[in-house]
């Protein structure tokens, strides 16, 4: 429907700004959310994942796909969520998904 919906990062930024305003000497927060690879690195280590054999699947280019790319993994964009096919033409090639699926149900077809 053309609306842009904010991710969770905007709430984190608002809270951090308020925290920094009341505690001038406070250390900045470490962002562990997407697209930062902090949590992905922990998952790889804990579950002994092979990055070259792991694919991050999501519906947002600026969080999910960038998360997988930042973590050195293949990525698949599902077009039934936030991102649209028209956004792909405006996205730098380094931020494009490796695979594009019309719907999550198409994952099984793509993997066979």
N, C-alpha and C. Protein backbone atom coordinates (compact mmCIF):
# COMPACT_ATOMS: atom_id res chain seq x y z
N UNK A 1 0.81 -1.20 0.00
CA UNK A 1 0.00 0.00 0.00
C UNK A 1 0.86 1.27 0.00
N UNK A 2 2.16 1.14 -0.17
CA UNK A 2 3.04 2.30 -0.30
C UNK A 2 3.50 2.94 0.99
N UNK A 3 3.04 2.45 2.13
CA UNK A 3 3.46 3.04 3.40
C UNK A 3 4.82 2.50 3.81
N UNK A 4 5.63 3.34 4.42
CA UNK A 4 6.89 2.90 5.01
C UNK A 4 6.67 2.69 6.49
N UNK A 5 7.09 1.55 6.99
CA UNK A 5 6.91 1.24 8.40
C UNK A 5 8.27 1.25 9.08
N UNK A 6 8.40 1.93 10.21
CA UNK A 6 9.70 1.97 10.89
C UNK A 6 10.05 0.63 11.51
N UNK A 7 11.34 0.33 11.54
CA UNK A 7 11.82 -0.87 12.22
C UNK A 7 12.05 -0.57 13.68
N UNK A 8 12.51 -1.55 14.42
CA UNK A 8 12.76 -1.39 15.85
C UNK A 8 13.89 -0.44 16.17
N UNK A 9 14.78 -0.22 15.20
CA UNK A 9 15.93 0.66 15.43
C UNK A 9 15.55 2.08 15.79
N UNK A 10 14.42 2.57 15.30
CA UNK A 10 14.03 3.95 15.61
C UNK A 10 13.67 4.09 17.10
N UNK A 11 13.10 3.05 17.68
CA UNK A 11 12.80 3.09 19.12
C UNK A 11 14.09 3.04 19.95
N UNK A 12 15.03 2.21 19.51
CA UNK A 12 16.31 2.13 20.21
C UNK A 12 17.02 3.48 20.15
N UNK A 13 17.01 4.12 18.98
CA UNK A 13 17.66 5.42 18.83
C UNK A 13 17.01 6.48 19.72
N UNK A 14 15.69 6.46 19.83
CA UNK A 14 14.99 7.43 20.69
C UNK A 14 15.36 7.22 22.16
N UNK A 15 15.40 5.97 22.58
CA UNK A 15 15.75 5.67 23.97
C UNK A 15 17.20 6.06 24.25
N UNK A 16 18.09 5.75 23.31
CA UNK A 16 19.50 6.08 23.50
C UNK A 16 19.71 7.59 23.54
N UNK A 17 19.00 8.34 22.71
CA UNK A 17 19.11 9.80 22.71
C UNK A 17 18.67 10.37 24.05
N UNK A 18 17.56 9.87 24.57
CA UNK A 18 17.07 10.33 25.87
C UNK A 18 18.06 9.96 26.98
N UNK A 19 18.63 8.76 26.90
CA UNK A 19 19.60 8.31 27.91
C UNK A 19 20.85 9.18 27.87
N UNK A 20 21.34 9.48 26.66
CA UNK A 20 22.55 10.29 26.53
C UNK A 20 22.30 11.72 27.01
N UNK A 21 21.08 12.24 26.81
CA UNK A 21 20.76 13.59 27.24
C UNK A 21 20.77 13.71 28.76
N UNK A 22 20.36 12.65 29.45
CA UNK A 22 20.31 12.71 30.91
C UNK A 22 21.61 12.25 31.56
N UNK A 23 22.45 11.56 30.84
CA UNK A 23 23.74 11.08 31.36
C UNK A 23 24.82 11.40 30.33
N UNK A 24 25.32 12.63 30.41
CA UNK A 24 26.26 13.12 29.40
C UNK A 24 27.49 12.23 29.28
N UNK A 25 27.94 11.65 30.37
CA UNK A 25 29.15 10.83 30.34
C UNK A 25 28.86 9.34 30.06
N UNK A 26 27.63 9.00 29.69
CA UNK A 26 27.27 7.61 29.44
C UNK A 26 27.93 7.10 28.17
N UNK A 27 28.34 5.85 28.22
CA UNK A 27 28.94 5.22 27.03
C UNK A 27 27.84 4.95 26.01
N UNK A 28 28.16 5.06 24.73
CA UNK A 28 27.14 4.77 23.72
C UNK A 28 26.74 3.30 23.74
N UNK A 29 25.50 3.04 23.35
CA UNK A 29 25.01 1.67 23.29
C UNK A 29 25.65 0.92 22.12
N UNK A 30 25.74 -0.37 22.24
CA UNK A 30 26.20 -1.21 21.13
C UNK A 30 24.96 -1.76 20.46
N UNK A 31 24.84 -1.54 19.17
CA UNK A 31 23.68 -2.02 18.42
C UNK A 31 23.86 -3.50 18.10
N UNK A 32 22.97 -4.33 18.61
CA UNK A 32 23.04 -5.76 18.34
C UNK A 32 21.93 -6.21 17.40
N UNK A 33 21.14 -5.27 16.92
CA UNK A 33 20.05 -5.61 16.02
C UNK A 33 20.49 -5.60 14.57
N UNK A 34 19.60 -6.08 13.70
CA UNK A 34 19.89 -6.08 12.28
C UNK A 34 20.01 -4.65 11.79
N UNK A 35 20.92 -4.33 10.90
CA UNK A 35 21.76 -5.22 10.12
C UNK A 35 23.15 -5.50 10.70
N UNK A 36 23.39 -5.10 11.94
CA UNK A 36 24.69 -5.41 12.55
C UNK A 36 24.83 -6.92 12.69
N UNK A 37 26.03 -7.43 12.51
CA UNK A 37 26.22 -8.88 12.48
C UNK A 37 26.54 -9.49 13.85
N UNK A 38 26.42 -8.71 14.92
CA UNK A 38 26.75 -9.18 16.26
C UNK A 38 26.02 -10.48 16.62
N UNK A 39 24.70 -10.49 16.50
CA UNK A 39 23.93 -11.69 16.86
C UNK A 39 24.16 -12.83 15.87
N UNK A 40 24.37 -12.49 14.62
CA UNK A 40 24.64 -13.52 13.62
C UNK A 40 25.96 -14.22 13.91
N UNK A 41 26.96 -13.45 14.31
CA UNK A 41 28.25 -14.04 14.68
C UNK A 41 28.10 -14.98 15.87
N UNK A 42 27.27 -14.61 16.83
CA UNK A 42 27.03 -15.48 17.99
C UNK A 42 26.34 -16.78 17.56
N UNK A 43 25.35 -16.68 16.67
CA UNK A 43 24.65 -17.87 16.19
C UNK A 43 25.59 -18.81 15.43
N UNK A 44 26.45 -18.23 14.61
CA UNK A 44 27.42 -19.04 13.85
C UNK A 44 28.32 -19.81 14.80
N UNK A 45 28.79 -19.11 15.83
CA UNK A 45 29.69 -19.76 16.78
C UNK A 45 28.96 -20.83 17.60
N UNK A 46 27.79 -20.49 18.14
CA UNK A 46 27.08 -21.42 19.01
C UNK A 46 26.63 -22.68 18.27
N UNK A 47 26.15 -22.52 17.04
CA UNK A 47 25.60 -23.66 16.30
C UNK A 47 26.55 -24.20 15.22
N UNK A 48 27.78 -23.67 15.23
CA UNK A 48 28.82 -24.10 14.27
C UNK A 48 28.30 -24.07 12.84
N UNK A 49 27.70 -22.96 12.47
CA UNK A 49 27.16 -22.81 11.12
C UNK A 49 28.28 -22.54 10.12
N UNK A 50 28.13 -23.05 8.94
CA UNK A 50 29.05 -22.77 7.85
C UNK A 50 28.44 -21.61 7.07
N UNK A 51 29.09 -20.46 7.10
CA UNK A 51 28.53 -19.27 6.46
C UNK A 51 28.26 -19.48 4.98
N UNK A 52 29.09 -20.25 4.31
CA UNK A 52 28.91 -20.46 2.87
C UNK A 52 27.73 -21.39 2.56
N UNK A 53 27.21 -22.07 3.58
CA UNK A 53 26.07 -22.98 3.39
C UNK A 53 24.81 -22.50 4.12
N UNK A 54 24.84 -21.26 4.57
CA UNK A 54 23.72 -20.71 5.33
C UNK A 54 23.12 -19.53 4.56
N UNK A 55 21.79 -19.45 4.57
CA UNK A 55 21.09 -18.39 3.85
C UNK A 55 20.17 -17.65 4.83
N UNK A 56 20.28 -16.33 4.84
CA UNK A 56 19.39 -15.50 5.65
C UNK A 56 18.21 -15.11 4.76
N UNK A 57 17.01 -15.38 5.26
CA UNK A 57 15.78 -15.10 4.50
C UNK A 57 15.03 -13.97 5.19
N UNK A 58 14.59 -13.00 4.42
CA UNK A 58 13.85 -11.90 5.02
C UNK A 58 13.04 -11.13 4.00
N UNK A 59 12.31 -10.12 4.50
CA UNK A 59 11.44 -9.34 3.63
C UNK A 59 11.83 -7.86 3.58
N UNK A 60 12.98 -7.52 4.17
CA UNK A 60 13.45 -6.13 4.15
C UNK A 60 14.87 -6.07 3.63
N UNK A 61 15.11 -5.19 2.67
CA UNK A 61 16.45 -5.04 2.12
C UNK A 61 17.39 -4.39 3.12
N UNK A 62 16.89 -3.37 3.85
CA UNK A 62 17.76 -2.57 4.72
C UNK A 62 18.08 -3.23 6.06
N UNK A 63 17.40 -4.31 6.39
CA UNK A 63 17.71 -5.01 7.64
C UNK A 63 18.07 -6.46 7.37
N UNK A 64 17.13 -7.25 6.91
CA UNK A 64 17.34 -8.69 6.75
C UNK A 64 18.43 -9.03 5.74
N UNK A 65 18.33 -8.46 4.55
CA UNK A 65 19.29 -8.78 3.49
C UNK A 65 20.66 -8.21 3.84
N UNK A 66 20.69 -7.00 4.35
CA UNK A 66 21.97 -6.41 4.76
C UNK A 66 22.58 -7.18 5.92
N UNK A 67 21.76 -7.69 6.81
CA UNK A 67 22.21 -8.53 7.94
C UNK A 67 22.96 -9.76 7.43
N UNK A 68 22.35 -10.46 6.48
CA UNK A 68 22.99 -11.63 5.92
C UNK A 68 24.26 -11.29 5.16
N UNK A 69 24.21 -10.23 4.38
CA UNK A 69 25.40 -9.81 3.62
C UNK A 69 26.52 -9.37 4.56
N UNK A 70 26.19 -8.62 5.60
CA UNK A 70 27.21 -8.20 6.58
C UNK A 70 27.83 -9.40 7.29
N UNK A 71 27.06 -10.47 7.42
CA UNK A 71 27.54 -11.68 8.07
C UNK A 71 28.21 -12.67 7.12
N UNK A 72 28.36 -12.28 5.86
CA UNK A 72 29.03 -13.14 4.90
C UNK A 72 28.23 -14.35 4.46
N UNK A 73 26.90 -14.21 4.44
CA UNK A 73 26.04 -15.33 4.07
C UNK A 73 25.25 -15.01 2.80
N UNK A 74 24.71 -16.04 2.20
CA UNK A 74 23.80 -15.85 1.07
C UNK A 74 22.49 -15.30 1.64
N UNK A 75 21.73 -14.63 0.79
CA UNK A 75 20.48 -14.01 1.24
C UNK A 75 19.35 -14.29 0.26
N UNK A 76 18.14 -14.36 0.79
CA UNK A 76 16.95 -14.54 -0.03
C UNK A 76 15.90 -13.53 0.42
N UNK A 77 15.39 -12.77 -0.53
CA UNK A 77 14.35 -11.79 -0.26
C UNK A 77 13.00 -12.37 -0.64
N UNK A 78 12.06 -12.29 0.29
CA UNK A 78 10.69 -12.75 0.04
C UNK A 78 9.85 -11.50 -0.24
N UNK A 79 9.15 -11.51 -1.36
CA UNK A 79 8.41 -10.32 -1.79
C UNK A 79 7.00 -10.22 -1.23
N UNK A 80 6.68 -10.97 -0.20
CA UNK A 80 5.34 -10.89 0.40
C UNK A 80 5.35 -10.03 1.66
N UNK A 81 6.44 -9.31 1.90
CA UNK A 81 6.55 -8.48 3.10
C UNK A 81 6.74 -7.02 2.75
N UNK A 82 7.77 -6.41 3.31
CA UNK A 82 8.01 -4.98 3.17
C UNK A 82 8.57 -4.60 1.81
N UNK A 83 9.62 -5.27 1.36
CA UNK A 83 10.29 -4.91 0.11
C UNK A 83 9.44 -5.23 -1.11
N UNK A 84 9.64 -4.43 -2.16
CA UNK A 84 8.94 -4.65 -3.42
C UNK A 84 9.96 -4.86 -4.53
N UNK A 85 9.53 -5.47 -5.60
CA UNK A 85 10.43 -5.70 -6.73
C UNK A 85 10.93 -4.39 -7.32
N UNK A 86 10.14 -3.33 -7.26
CA UNK A 86 10.58 -2.03 -7.81
C UNK A 86 11.74 -1.45 -7.00
N UNK A 87 11.85 -1.78 -5.72
CA UNK A 87 12.97 -1.30 -4.91
C UNK A 87 14.29 -1.90 -5.36
N UNK A 88 14.25 -3.08 -5.94
CA UNK A 88 15.46 -3.77 -6.35
C UNK A 88 16.23 -2.98 -7.41
N UNK A 89 15.52 -2.25 -8.26
CA UNK A 89 16.19 -1.48 -9.31
C UNK A 89 16.94 -0.28 -8.75
N UNK A 90 16.58 0.16 -7.55
CA UNK A 90 17.22 1.31 -6.92
C UNK A 90 18.23 0.91 -5.85
N UNK A 91 18.48 -0.38 -5.70
CA UNK A 91 19.35 -0.88 -4.65
C UNK A 91 20.74 -1.16 -5.21
N UNK A 92 21.80 -0.69 -4.52
CA UNK A 92 23.17 -0.99 -4.99
C UNK A 92 23.39 -2.49 -5.08
N UNK A 93 24.18 -2.92 -6.05
CA UNK A 93 24.38 -4.36 -6.27
C UNK A 93 24.96 -5.05 -5.05
N UNK A 94 25.73 -4.34 -4.24
CA UNK A 94 26.31 -4.96 -3.04
C UNK A 94 25.28 -5.20 -1.95
N UNK A 95 24.08 -4.64 -2.10
CA UNK A 95 23.01 -4.81 -1.11
C UNK A 95 21.86 -5.65 -1.64
N UNK A 96 21.99 -6.16 -2.85
CA UNK A 96 20.92 -6.99 -3.42
C UNK A 96 20.96 -8.39 -2.83
N UNK A 97 19.80 -9.04 -2.75
CA UNK A 97 19.77 -10.44 -2.29
C UNK A 97 20.34 -11.36 -3.36
N UNK A 98 20.83 -12.51 -2.92
CA UNK A 98 21.31 -13.51 -3.86
C UNK A 98 20.15 -14.20 -4.57
N UNK A 99 19.03 -14.34 -3.87
CA UNK A 99 17.85 -15.00 -4.41
C UNK A 99 16.63 -14.14 -4.13
N UNK A 100 15.64 -14.19 -5.02
CA UNK A 100 14.39 -13.46 -4.84
C UNK A 100 13.25 -14.47 -4.96
N UNK A 101 12.39 -14.48 -3.95
CA UNK A 101 11.26 -15.42 -3.92
C UNK A 101 9.96 -14.63 -3.92
N UNK A 102 9.04 -14.96 -4.81
CA UNK A 102 7.74 -14.27 -4.79
C UNK A 102 7.01 -14.44 -3.45
N UNK A 103 7.15 -15.64 -2.84
CA UNK A 103 6.51 -15.92 -1.56
C UNK A 103 7.37 -16.92 -0.80
N UNK A 104 7.20 -16.97 0.50
CA UNK A 104 7.98 -17.90 1.32
C UNK A 104 7.72 -19.35 0.89
N UNK A 105 6.53 -19.64 0.46
CA UNK A 105 6.18 -21.00 0.01
C UNK A 105 7.04 -21.44 -1.17
N UNK A 106 7.62 -20.49 -1.90
CA UNK A 106 8.46 -20.82 -3.04
C UNK A 106 9.86 -21.28 -2.62
N UNK A 107 10.16 -21.21 -1.36
CA UNK A 107 11.48 -21.62 -0.88
C UNK A 107 11.76 -23.09 -1.18
N UNK A 108 10.77 -23.93 -0.97
CA UNK A 108 10.96 -25.36 -1.22
C UNK A 108 11.26 -25.62 -2.71
N UNK A 109 10.55 -24.92 -3.60
CA UNK A 109 10.80 -25.08 -5.04
C UNK A 109 12.21 -24.61 -5.39
N UNK A 110 12.64 -23.52 -4.79
CA UNK A 110 13.95 -22.95 -5.10
C UNK A 110 15.08 -23.84 -4.61
N UNK A 111 14.85 -24.56 -3.52
CA UNK A 111 15.93 -25.38 -2.94
C UNK A 111 16.06 -26.75 -3.57
N UNK A 112 15.11 -27.13 -4.42
CA UNK A 112 15.19 -28.47 -5.02
C UNK A 112 15.79 -28.41 -6.43
